[in-house]
């Protein structure tokens, strides 16, 4: 089978898993791509057939994970996202235990691609905790690829920030608990811009032509532009999303945007190649110690609040150990250790009070602890049905040249 065939099958696989296509639509797509019926048959067999792949939100949310001696915990996370002393302290608190902590998540989609076939087959990933962003967590819930959390083993979940307790994709937090949160808004070099920025639309100030970078992910850039257009992400429609992408496209064609980036926008910003960027709060917080001219602003119109979530994948080898770790990091004293190092927004109530005693300056950081007024302007990522989400991704890819 040729490479184009494989790419088409990969796209179809993802759409089938998420219930986006009927069998008839699959066969039509295969035919349009010039693939053979033999290819179709092989593909559908590999997927286990189309029927039943659109599972929807699980109804069984009961979990019974009895207390056992903790010997092993397999924890998968993003790079530079925990104070490693926390892992050592956890092992000391549970003598004879070992935490296998692997920093293997570089991107939500790439990690999903790595484990997708195992999930679809119903296999264990041999991981007890994985940490993924809201929209990907929603995909795993719809796919029935998670083990429910036995809340009896996580009493410290009561410390979860009120604003994070009932997300649309997991209203009762049966499947997820936030690991860290952050904001997507505007990072800029005050020395280069010559003024403070206050609006999403400052991204499009002609004075900054060719000095603006935007993230290639539409959830970030189009989501932020949508807020600048006066839309609420919780009520966003496909048309709203497309209008924001059209705006980005127009500005890009005028030369306003230097380039579309992943996390490497920080290089342009620190070197002065970019003056203004769609940016993550944690990144700017980490850069400010070396470059105090860098600022992060929550625009007047608002900004995006995202959360990475701890989840227990299907058929975990050590579910009780996973829940004990979740409970451990929800102690304010423990949660304070990670944000002290990496500068994200903790989901745990009481962290600011801990830092006020040990690091008063950090406790006053509005990047780590947005003010009540700022929090009112923070909105979650927009959520669209899978088919519309795909349309958004395709439209943004045309703009970014991906």
Protein backbone atom coordinates (compact mmCIF):
# COMPACT_ATOMS: atom_id res chain seq x y z
CA UNK A 1 0.00 0.00 0.00
CA UNK A 2 1.37 3.44 -0.89
CA UNK A 3 2.10 6.22 1.63
CA UNK A 4 -0.93 8.27 0.52
CA UNK A 5 -3.08 5.19 1.14
CA UNK A 6 -1.69 4.88 4.65
CA UNK A 7 -2.32 8.53 5.38
CA UNK A 8 -5.90 8.27 4.17
CA UNK A 9 -6.47 5.17 6.29
CA UNK A 10 -5.01 6.90 9.33
CA UNK A 11 -7.44 9.79 8.91
CA UNK A 12 -10.34 7.41 8.45
CA UNK A 13 -9.32 5.40 11.48
CA UNK A 14 -9.46 8.47 13.71
CA UNK A 15 -12.84 9.50 12.37
CA UNK A 16 -14.27 6.01 12.83
CA UNK A 17 -12.96 5.67 16.38
CA UNK A 18 -14.69 8.90 17.31
CA UNK A 19 -17.92 7.97 15.57
CA UNK A 20 -17.67 10.60 12.86
CA UNK A 21 -18.43 8.32 9.88
CA UNK A 22 -20.93 5.63 8.98
CA UNK A 23 -19.83 2.50 7.12
CA UNK A 24 -21.30 3.92 3.91
CA UNK A 25 -19.31 7.14 4.36
CA UNK A 26 -16.14 5.14 4.98
CA UNK A 27 -16.55 3.19 1.76
CA UNK A 28 -17.33 6.36 -0.17
CA UNK A 29 -14.16 7.98 1.15
CA UNK A 30 -12.09 4.94 0.28
CA UNK A 31 -13.47 4.97 -3.24
CA UNK A 32 -12.80 8.66 -3.66
CA UNK A 33 -9.21 8.07 -2.61
CA UNK A 34 -8.85 5.29 -5.18
CA UNK A 35 -8.41 2.59 -2.57
CA UNK A 36 -9.56 -0.92 -3.32
CA UNK A 37 -12.36 -2.84 -1.70
CA UNK A 38 -9.70 -5.22 -0.48
CA UNK A 39 -8.04 -2.31 1.29
CA UNK A 40 -11.39 -1.33 2.72
CA UNK A 41 -12.07 -4.83 3.97
CA UNK A 42 -8.65 -5.13 5.57
CA UNK A 43 -9.01 -1.74 7.17
CA UNK A 44 -12.49 -2.33 8.55
CA UNK A 45 -11.42 -5.69 9.91
CA UNK A 46 -8.45 -4.06 11.64
CA UNK A 47 -10.79 -1.55 13.22
CA UNK A 48 -13.06 -4.32 14.40
CA UNK A 49 -15.81 -2.96 12.16
CA UNK A 50 -17.49 0.42 12.37
CA UNK A 51 -20.42 -0.64 14.47
CA UNK A 52 -20.11 0.35 18.12
CA UNK A 53 -17.21 2.77 17.77
CA UNK A 54 -19.37 5.80 18.65
CA UNK A 55 -19.68 4.92 22.31
CA UNK A 56 -20.57 8.32 23.73
CA UNK A 57 -20.27 9.28 27.38
CA UNK A 58 -19.91 6.20 29.62
CA UNK A 59 -22.78 5.48 31.98
CA UNK A 60 -20.86 3.14 34.30
CA UNK A 61 -18.83 5.38 36.60
CA UNK A 62 -18.48 3.09 39.60
CA UNK A 63 -15.03 2.04 40.71
CA UNK A 64 -13.89 -0.23 43.51
CA UNK A 65 -10.15 -0.23 43.97
CA UNK A 66 -9.34 -1.91 47.29
CA UNK A 67 -6.42 -0.75 49.38
CA UNK A 68 -3.29 -2.77 48.69
CA UNK A 69 0.39 -2.37 49.41
CA UNK A 70 1.87 0.09 46.92
CA UNK A 71 4.80 -1.48 45.11
CA UNK A 72 4.73 0.17 41.68
CA UNK A 73 3.22 3.21 39.98
CA UNK A 74 3.59 3.92 36.26
CA UNK A 75 3.15 7.66 35.74
CA UNK A 76 3.27 9.23 32.24
CA UNK A 77 3.53 13.01 31.95
CA UNK A 78 4.84 15.94 29.90
CA UNK A 79 8.48 17.07 30.23
CA UNK A 80 9.47 19.45 33.05
CA UNK A 81 6.08 19.23 34.72
CA UNK A 82 6.84 18.07 38.26
CA UNK A 83 9.33 18.70 41.02
CA UNK A 84 11.08 15.31 41.08
CA UNK A 85 11.41 15.58 44.86
CA UNK A 86 7.67 14.89 45.01
CA UNK A 87 8.27 11.44 43.53
CA UNK A 88 11.05 10.71 46.04
CA UNK A 89 8.86 11.88 48.92
CA UNK A 90 6.00 9.69 47.71
CA UNK A 91 8.27 6.66 47.68
CA UNK A 92 9.46 7.50 51.21
CA UNK A 93 5.85 7.75 52.36
CA UNK A 94 5.23 4.27 50.94
CA UNK A 95 8.29 2.14 51.78
CA UNK A 96 9.09 -0.46 49.16
CA UNK A 97 7.32 1.46 46.40
CA UNK A 98 8.77 2.66 43.10
CA UNK A 99 7.40 5.35 40.81
CA UNK A 100 8.26 4.80 37.16
CA UNK A 101 7.89 8.37 35.93
CA UNK A 102 8.20 8.77 32.16
CA UNK A 103 8.19 12.13 30.36
CA UNK A 104 6.86 10.84 27.06
CA UNK A 105 4.03 13.24 26.19
CA UNK A 106 5.27 15.93 23.82
CA UNK A 107 1.89 16.63 22.26
CA UNK A 108 -1.65 15.37 22.83
CA UNK A 109 -2.13 14.10 19.29
CA UNK A 110 1.25 12.41 18.96
CA UNK A 111 0.83 10.55 22.25
CA UNK A 112 -2.66 9.50 21.27
CA UNK A 113 -1.29 8.20 17.98
CA UNK A 114 1.27 6.18 19.91
CA UNK A 115 -1.30 4.34 22.04
CA UNK A 116 -4.40 4.51 19.84
CA UNK A 117 -4.34 0.94 18.57
CA UNK A 118 -3.90 -0.46 22.07
CA UNK A 119 -6.85 1.58 23.28
CA UNK A 120 -9.02 0.48 20.37
CA UNK A 121 -8.18 -3.17 20.99
CA UNK A 122 -9.07 -2.80 24.66
CA UNK A 123 -5.50 -3.52 25.79
CA UNK A 124 -3.83 -2.16 28.89
CA UNK A 125 -1.32 0.60 28.25
CA UNK A 126 0.64 -0.58 31.31
CA UNK A 127 0.32 2.96 32.62
CA UNK A 128 -1.51 3.99 35.77
CA UNK A 129 -1.67 7.76 35.23
CA UNK A 130 -1.50 9.75 32.01
CA UNK A 131 -1.81 13.55 31.85
CA UNK A 132 -3.66 15.04 28.88
CA UNK A 133 -5.36 18.31 28.05
CA UNK A 134 -9.11 18.88 28.42
CA UNK A 135 -10.10 18.29 24.80
CA UNK A 136 -8.05 15.09 24.54
CA UNK A 137 -9.37 13.93 27.90
CA UNK A 138 -12.86 14.36 26.45
CA UNK A 139 -11.89 12.14 23.51
CA UNK A 140 -10.69 9.37 25.84
CA UNK A 141 -13.90 9.57 27.86
CA UNK A 142 -16.01 9.24 24.69
CA UNK A 143 -13.88 6.32 23.59
CA UNK A 144 -14.45 4.49 26.90
CA UNK A 145 -10.68 4.23 27.34
CA UNK A 146 -10.50 5.25 31.00
CA UNK A 147 -10.94 3.60 34.36
CA UNK A 148 -13.25 5.54 36.72
CA UNK A 149 -11.61 7.11 39.76
CA UNK A 150 -12.54 5.54 43.09
CA UNK A 151 -13.16 8.79 44.94
CA UNK A 152 -12.99 7.06 48.32
CA UNK A 153 -9.25 6.81 47.74
CA UNK A 154 -8.88 10.51 46.85
CA UNK A 155 -10.38 12.45 49.79
CA UNK A 156 -8.11 15.43 49.04
CA UNK A 157 -10.07 15.98 45.83
CA UNK A 158 -12.14 18.26 48.06
CA UNK A 159 -9.28 20.75 47.58
CA UNK A 160 -10.03 21.15 43.87
CA UNK A 161 -10.61 24.76 42.85
CA UNK A 162 -14.38 25.42 42.56
CA UNK A 163 -14.09 26.68 39.00
CA UNK A 164 -12.62 23.34 37.87
CA UNK A 165 -15.06 21.01 39.58
CA UNK A 166 -17.65 20.58 36.84
CA UNK A 167 -16.16 20.77 33.32
CA UNK A 168 -18.46 20.09 30.41
CA UNK A 169 -16.58 16.96 29.34
CA UNK A 170 -16.55 15.39 32.84
CA UNK A 171 -19.22 17.17 34.93
CA UNK A 172 -18.69 15.15 38.09
CA UNK A 173 -14.96 14.48 37.70
CA UNK A 174 -15.56 10.74 37.49
CA UNK A 175 -12.64 10.22 35.11
CA UNK A 176 -10.24 13.11 35.54
CA UNK A 177 -8.54 15.31 38.09
CA UNK A 178 -6.63 18.43 37.03
CA UNK A 179 -2.86 18.26 37.22
CA UNK A 180 -2.00 21.88 36.38
CA UNK A 181 -3.73 24.72 34.57
CA UNK A 182 -2.45 27.55 32.48
CA UNK A 183 -3.63 30.47 30.42
CA UNK A 184 -3.36 31.09 26.70
CA UNK A 185 -3.23 34.82 26.06
CA UNK A 186 -0.62 37.34 24.90
CA UNK A 187 3.07 37.41 25.70
CA UNK A 188 5.03 40.44 24.56
CA UNK A 189 8.28 42.34 24.87
CA UNK A 190 7.43 45.70 26.44
CA UNK A 191 10.72 47.19 25.28
CA UNK A 192 9.95 46.29 21.65
CA UNK A 193 6.26 47.23 21.57
CA UNK A 194 6.85 50.56 23.29
CA UNK A 195 3.57 50.25 25.14
CA UNK A 196 1.53 47.90 27.27
CA UNK A 197 -0.97 45.67 25.51
CA UNK A 198 -4.54 45.25 26.68
CA UNK A 199 -6.57 43.72 23.85
CA UNK A 200 -6.60 40.55 21.78
CA UNK A 201 -6.72 42.84 18.77
CA UNK A 202 -3.28 44.23 19.68
CA UNK A 203 -2.05 41.13 17.83
CA UNK A 204 -3.17 42.90 14.67
CA UNK A 205 -1.72 46.35 15.32
CA UNK A 206 -0.02 47.32 12.01
CA UNK A 207 2.94 48.66 14.02
CA UNK A 208 3.78 45.05 14.87
CA UNK A 209 3.62 43.78 11.28
CA UNK A 210 5.89 40.79 10.80
CA UNK A 211 6.64 40.63 14.53
CA UNK A 212 3.68 38.52 15.65
CA UNK A 213 3.62 34.76 16.16
CA UNK A 214 0.56 32.61 16.69
CA UNK A 215 0.22 29.04 17.84
CA UNK A 216 -0.72 26.63 15.07
CA UNK A 217 -3.37 24.88 17.19
CA UNK A 218 -6.77 26.45 16.42
CA UNK A 219 -7.95 25.82 19.97
CA UNK A 220 -5.37 28.35 21.13
CA UNK A 221 -5.09 30.97 18.40
CA UNK A 222 -8.58 30.86 16.91
CA UNK A 223 -10.04 30.41 20.37
CA UNK A 224 -8.31 33.58 21.57
CA UNK A 225 -9.25 35.56 18.45
CA UNK A 226 -12.83 34.37 18.91
CA UNK A 227 -12.81 35.87 22.40
CA UNK A 228 -11.46 39.09 20.89
CA UNK A 229 -14.46 39.08 18.57
CA UNK A 230 -16.77 39.09 21.58
CA UNK A 231 -17.72 35.39 21.56
CA UNK A 232 -18.01 33.13 24.58
CA UNK A 233 -16.18 29.85 24.06
CA UNK A 234 -18.87 27.92 25.94
CA UNK A 235 -21.40 29.04 23.32
CA UNK A 236 -19.09 28.95 20.28
CA UNK A 237 -20.44 27.56 17.02
CA UNK A 238 -18.63 26.27 13.98
CA UNK A 239 -19.34 29.59 12.26
CA UNK A 240 -17.74 31.47 15.15
CA UNK A 241 -14.63 29.34 14.88
CA UNK A 242 -14.44 29.76 11.11
CA UNK A 243 -14.83 33.53 11.40
CA UNK A 244 -11.86 33.64 13.76
CA UNK A 245 -9.78 31.54 11.37
CA UNK A 246 -10.77 33.82 8.48
CA UNK A 247 -9.53 36.78 10.53
CA UNK A 248 -6.20 35.05 11.14
CA UNK A 249 -5.97 34.18 7.44
CA UNK A 250 -6.53 37.79 6.41
CA UNK A 251 -3.87 39.06 8.79
CA UNK A 252 -1.44 36.39 7.68
CA UNK A 253 -1.88 37.36 4.03
CA UNK A 254 -1.13 40.98 4.97
CA UNK A 255 2.18 39.89 6.49
CA UNK A 256 1.14 40.63 10.07
CA UNK A 257 2.11 37.17 11.32
CA UNK A 258 5.79 36.21 11.29
CA UNK A 259 5.04 32.50 11.61
CA UNK A 260 2.85 29.89 13.22
CA UNK A 261 4.57 27.89 15.94
CA UNK A 262 4.39 25.16 18.51
CA UNK A 263 6.10 25.86 21.85
CA UNK A 264 9.17 27.17 20.01
CA UNK A 265 7.63 30.67 19.85
CA UNK A 266 9.64 31.36 22.99
CA UNK A 267 12.84 31.41 20.93
CA UNK A 268 11.54 34.22 18.68
CA UNK A 269 10.22 36.14 21.66
CA UNK A 270 13.43 35.97 23.68
CA UNK A 271 15.63 36.82 20.69
CA UNK A 272 13.46 39.78 19.69
CA UNK A 273 12.46 38.28 16.33
CA UNK A 274 8.89 38.42 17.60
CA UNK A 275 7.49 41.20 19.75
CA UNK A 276 4.03 39.79 20.39
CA UNK A 277 2.96 36.14 20.64
CA UNK A 278 -0.05 34.02 21.43
CA UNK A 279 1.58 32.48 24.48
CA UNK A 280 1.19 30.18 27.47
CA UNK A 281 1.39 31.71 30.93
CA UNK A 282 3.80 29.09 32.27
CA UNK A 283 6.29 29.77 29.47
CA UNK A 284 6.36 33.52 30.06
CA UNK A 285 6.62 33.01 33.81
CA UNK A 286 9.69 30.86 33.26
CA UNK A 287 11.31 33.38 30.90
CA UNK A 288 10.80 36.51 32.97
CA UNK A 289 13.67 35.84 35.35
CA UNK A 290 16.13 36.15 32.45
CA UNK A 291 14.21 38.80 30.52
CA UNK A 292 12.14 41.13 32.70
CA UNK A 293 10.93 43.00 29.59
CA UNK A 294 8.69 40.05 28.77
CA UNK A 295 5.10 40.46 29.92
CA UNK A 296 1.99 38.29 29.93
CA UNK A 297 -1.42 39.91 29.75
CA UNK A 298 -4.96 38.64 30.07
CA UNK A 299 -6.69 40.89 27.52
CA UNK A 300 -9.68 43.01 28.43
CA UNK A 301 -11.90 40.76 26.31
CA UNK A 302 -10.65 37.62 28.05
CA UNK A 303 -8.32 34.68 27.56
CA UNK A 304 -8.30 30.89 27.56
CA UNK A 305 -7.86 28.71 30.61
CA UNK A 306 -6.69 25.18 29.85
CA UNK A 307 -6.13 22.25 32.13
CA UNK A 308 -4.04 19.12 31.87
CA UNK A 309 -5.71 16.22 33.63
CA UNK A 310 -4.60 13.10 35.46
CA UNK A 311 -6.47 10.06 34.14
CA UNK A 312 -6.30 6.31 34.72
CA UNK A 313 -6.18 4.47 31.37
CA UNK A 314 -8.21 1.32 30.78
CA UNK A 315 -7.05 -1.85 32.56
CA UNK A 316 -4.44 -0.14 34.73
CA UNK A 317 -1.93 -2.40 36.51
CA UNK A 318 -2.00 -0.36 39.75
CA UNK A 319 -5.20 1.71 40.01
CA UNK A 320 -5.07 2.10 43.79
CA UNK A 321 -1.51 3.44 43.59
CA UNK A 322 -2.69 5.96 40.97
CA UNK A 323 -5.42 7.24 43.28
CA UNK A 324 -3.05 7.45 46.23
CA UNK A 325 -0.72 9.59 44.10
CA UNK A 326 -3.64 11.81 43.05
CA UNK A 327 -4.53 12.23 46.68
CA UNK A 328 -0.91 12.97 47.60
CA UNK A 329 -0.41 15.79 45.08
CA UNK A 330 -3.69 17.39 46.15
CA UNK A 331 -2.16 18.34 49.48
CA UNK A 332 -1.52 22.10 49.26
CA UNK A 333 2.03 21.70 50.63
CA UNK A 334 2.86 19.19 47.88
CA UNK A 335 1.09 21.07 45.09
CA UNK A 336 3.06 24.20 45.98
CA UNK A 337 6.34 22.47 45.13
CA UNK A 338 5.57 22.07 41.44
CA UNK A 339 4.30 25.57 40.77
CA UNK A 340 7.24 27.00 42.70
CA UNK A 341 9.49 25.43 40.05
CA UNK A 342 7.45 25.64 36.85
CA UNK A 343 5.01 28.52 37.21
CA UNK A 344 1.62 27.13 36.24
CA UNK A 345 -1.77 27.67 37.87
CA UNK A 346 -2.39 25.10 40.57
CA UNK A 347 -5.82 23.45 40.71
CA UNK A 348 -5.43 23.00 44.46
CA UNK A 349 -7.02 25.35 46.98
CA UNK A 350 -4.61 26.50 49.68
CA UNK A 351 -1.41 26.64 47.61
CA UNK A 352 -1.23 30.42 47.68
CA UNK A 353 -1.45 30.41 51.47
CA UNK A 354 1.42 27.91 51.64
CA UNK A 355 3.60 30.04 49.39
CA UNK A 356 2.72 33.20 51.33
CA UNK A 357 4.68 31.69 54.22
CA UNK A 358 7.63 30.34 52.24
CA UNK A 359 7.88 32.62 49.18
CA UNK A 360 5.75 35.78 49.62
CA UNK A 361 6.87 37.27 46.29
CA UNK A 362 5.78 34.20 44.35
CA UNK A 363 2.48 34.11 46.23
CA UNK A 364 1.70 37.53 44.76
CA UNK A 365 2.31 36.46 41.14
CA UNK A 366 -0.79 37.03 39.04
CA UNK A 367 0.51 34.44 36.54
CA UNK A 368 0.31 31.76 39.22
CA UNK A 369 -2.69 33.19 41.01
CA UNK A 370 -4.94 35.19 38.68
CA UNK A 371 -6.95 37.81 40.50
CA UNK A 372 -10.67 37.32 41.00
CA UNK A 373 -11.26 39.96 38.33
CA UNK A 374 -8.92 38.16 35.92
CA UNK A 375 -10.54 34.79 36.56
CA UNK A 376 -13.86 36.23 35.46
CA UNK A 377 -12.27 36.84 32.05
CA UNK A 378 -10.89 33.32 31.64
CA UNK A 379 -12.81 30.94 29.41
CA UNK A 380 -12.32 27.22 28.67
CA UNK A 381 -11.31 25.83 25.29
CA UNK A 382 -14.24 25.69 22.87
CA UNK A 383 -15.76 22.22 22.46
CA UNK A 384 -17.34 21.21 19.16
CA UNK A 385 -18.72 17.87 17.96
CA UNK A 386 -15.94 15.68 16.50
CA UNK A 387 -16.92 16.24 12.85
CA UNK A 388 -16.94 20.03 13.28
CA UNK A 389 -13.70 19.88 15.23
CA UNK A 390 -12.13 18.18 12.24
CA UNK A 391 -13.40 20.95 9.94
CA UNK A 392 -11.79 23.53 12.20
CA UNK A 393 -8.47 21.67 12.18
CA UNK A 394 -8.50 21.41 8.39
CA UNK A 395 -9.32 25.11 7.97
CA UNK A 396 -6.51 26.15 10.32
CA UNK A 397 -4.06 23.82 8.59
CA UNK A 398 -4.73 25.60 5.29
CA UNK A 399 -3.88 28.92 6.93
CA UNK A 400 -0.74 27.72 8.68
CA UNK A 401 0.48 25.65 5.74
CA UNK A 402 0.62 22.49 7.85
